[in-house]
Amino acid sequence: MKARYVEVTYSKGKPLAAYLYLPRETGARAVRTEDGGPGLRVDYDASGKPIGLELTAPSEVTLADVNAVLGRIGEPQLAPEERAPLCNV
């Protein structure tokens, strides 16, 4: 996967979780997860490369929180088109 994107999961009309998929090799799977702060988890593949950011409480995590974690793992901040799904949670 070359481009990153956000996926939001809803339950009964309320956001349950969200996941920011980061660019990764085809078939890459998470083998390790680290705490990224309240409501945030970072998934890493077998080579130690970050492959995704899980928002376990998407309505409580701010854009600043997400961008801070992205900065710590060497990823650029969310672009407007990427953060649009998170603005509605």
Protein backbone atom coordinates (compact mmCIF):
# COMPACT_ATOMS: atom_id res chain seq x y z
CA MET A 1 0.00 0.00 0.00
CA LYS A 2 1.49 3.29 -1.07
CA ALA A 3 -0.93 5.86 0.38
CA ARG A 4 -2.15 6.14 3.92
CA TYR A 5 -5.82 6.40 4.80
CA VAL A 6 -8.20 6.49 7.77
CA GLU A 7 -10.92 3.95 8.47
CA VAL A 8 -13.56 4.57 11.16
CA THR A 9 -15.66 1.76 12.66
CA TYR A 10 -19.08 2.64 14.05
CA SER A 11 -21.42 0.82 16.42
CA LYS A 12 -25.02 2.01 16.67
CA GLY A 13 -24.06 5.28 14.96
CA LYS A 14 -21.20 6.11 17.32
CA PRO A 15 -17.49 5.84 16.51
CA LEU A 16 -16.07 2.74 18.12
CA ALA A 17 -12.51 2.86 16.79
CA ALA A 18 -10.45 4.35 13.99
CA TYR A 19 -7.31 3.18 12.23
CA LEU A 20 -4.79 5.20 10.25
CA TYR A 21 -3.14 2.84 7.78
CA LEU A 22 0.43 3.90 7.00
CA PRO A 23 2.29 2.97 3.79
CA ARG A 24 3.53 -0.60 4.02
CA GLU A 25 4.74 -3.52 2.00
CA THR A 26 2.08 -5.85 0.64
CA GLY A 27 1.31 -8.51 3.23
CA ALA A 28 2.92 -6.64 6.13
CA ARG A 29 1.31 -7.53 9.45
CA ALA A 30 1.54 -6.04 12.92
CA VAL A 31 3.80 -8.05 15.20
CA ARG A 32 4.26 -5.47 17.94
CA THR A 33 2.07 -2.70 19.37
CA GLU A 34 3.17 0.23 21.51
CA ASP A 35 1.20 2.71 23.56
CA GLY A 36 1.03 6.07 21.82
CA GLY A 37 -0.71 7.89 24.65
CA PRO A 38 -4.32 7.97 25.85
CA GLY A 39 -6.52 6.33 23.21
CA LEU A 40 -3.65 5.70 20.76
CA ARG A 41 -1.70 2.57 19.81
CA VAL A 42 1.07 2.22 17.19
CA ASP A 43 1.44 -1.03 15.25
CA TYR A 44 4.83 -2.15 13.90
CA ASP A 45 5.75 -4.84 11.38
CA ALA A 46 8.46 -7.47 11.81
CA SER A 47 11.17 -5.07 10.63
CA GLY A 48 10.15 -2.44 13.21
CA LYS A 49 8.50 -0.11 10.71
CA PRO A 50 5.29 1.60 11.91
CA ILE A 51 2.37 0.39 9.78
CA GLY A 52 -0.65 1.86 11.52
CA LEU A 53 -2.06 4.01 14.26
CA GLU A 54 -5.10 2.76 16.16
CA LEU A 55 -7.42 5.26 17.82
CA THR A 56 -9.17 3.25 20.51
CA ALA A 57 -11.29 6.22 21.57
CA PRO A 58 -11.61 8.30 18.39
CA SER A 59 -14.04 10.84 19.85
CA GLU A 60 -11.60 11.60 22.69
CA VAL A 61 -8.34 11.78 20.72
CA THR A 62 -7.52 15.18 19.23
CA LEU A 63 -5.89 15.92 15.90
CA ALA A 64 -2.94 17.35 17.86
CA ASP A 65 -2.60 14.00 19.69
CA VAL A 66 -2.52 12.09 16.39
CA ASN A 67 -0.04 14.49 14.81
CA ALA A 68 2.23 14.33 17.88
CA VAL A 69 2.43 10.53 17.60
CA LEU A 70 3.00 10.75 13.85
CA GLY A 71 5.89 13.16 14.49
CA ARG A 72 7.43 10.80 17.05
CA ILE A 73 7.39 7.89 14.59
CA GLY A 74 8.75 9.96 11.70
CA GLU A 75 5.52 10.37 9.71
CA PRO A 76 4.16 13.64 8.34
CA GLN A 77 1.12 15.26 9.92
CA LEU A 78 -2.33 14.46 8.60
CA ALA A 79 -3.32 16.34 5.47
CA PRO A 80 -6.81 17.91 5.37
CA GLU A 81 -8.20 15.14 3.17
CA GLU A 82 -6.84 12.49 5.54
CA ARG A 83 -8.28 14.01 8.69
CA ALA A 84 -11.76 14.56 7.25
CA PRO A 85 -13.10 11.18 8.52
CA LEU A 86 -11.87 12.03 12.02
CA CYS A 87 -13.57 15.42 12.08
CA ASN A 88 -16.96 13.75 12.09
CA VAL A 89 -16.35 11.49 15.10
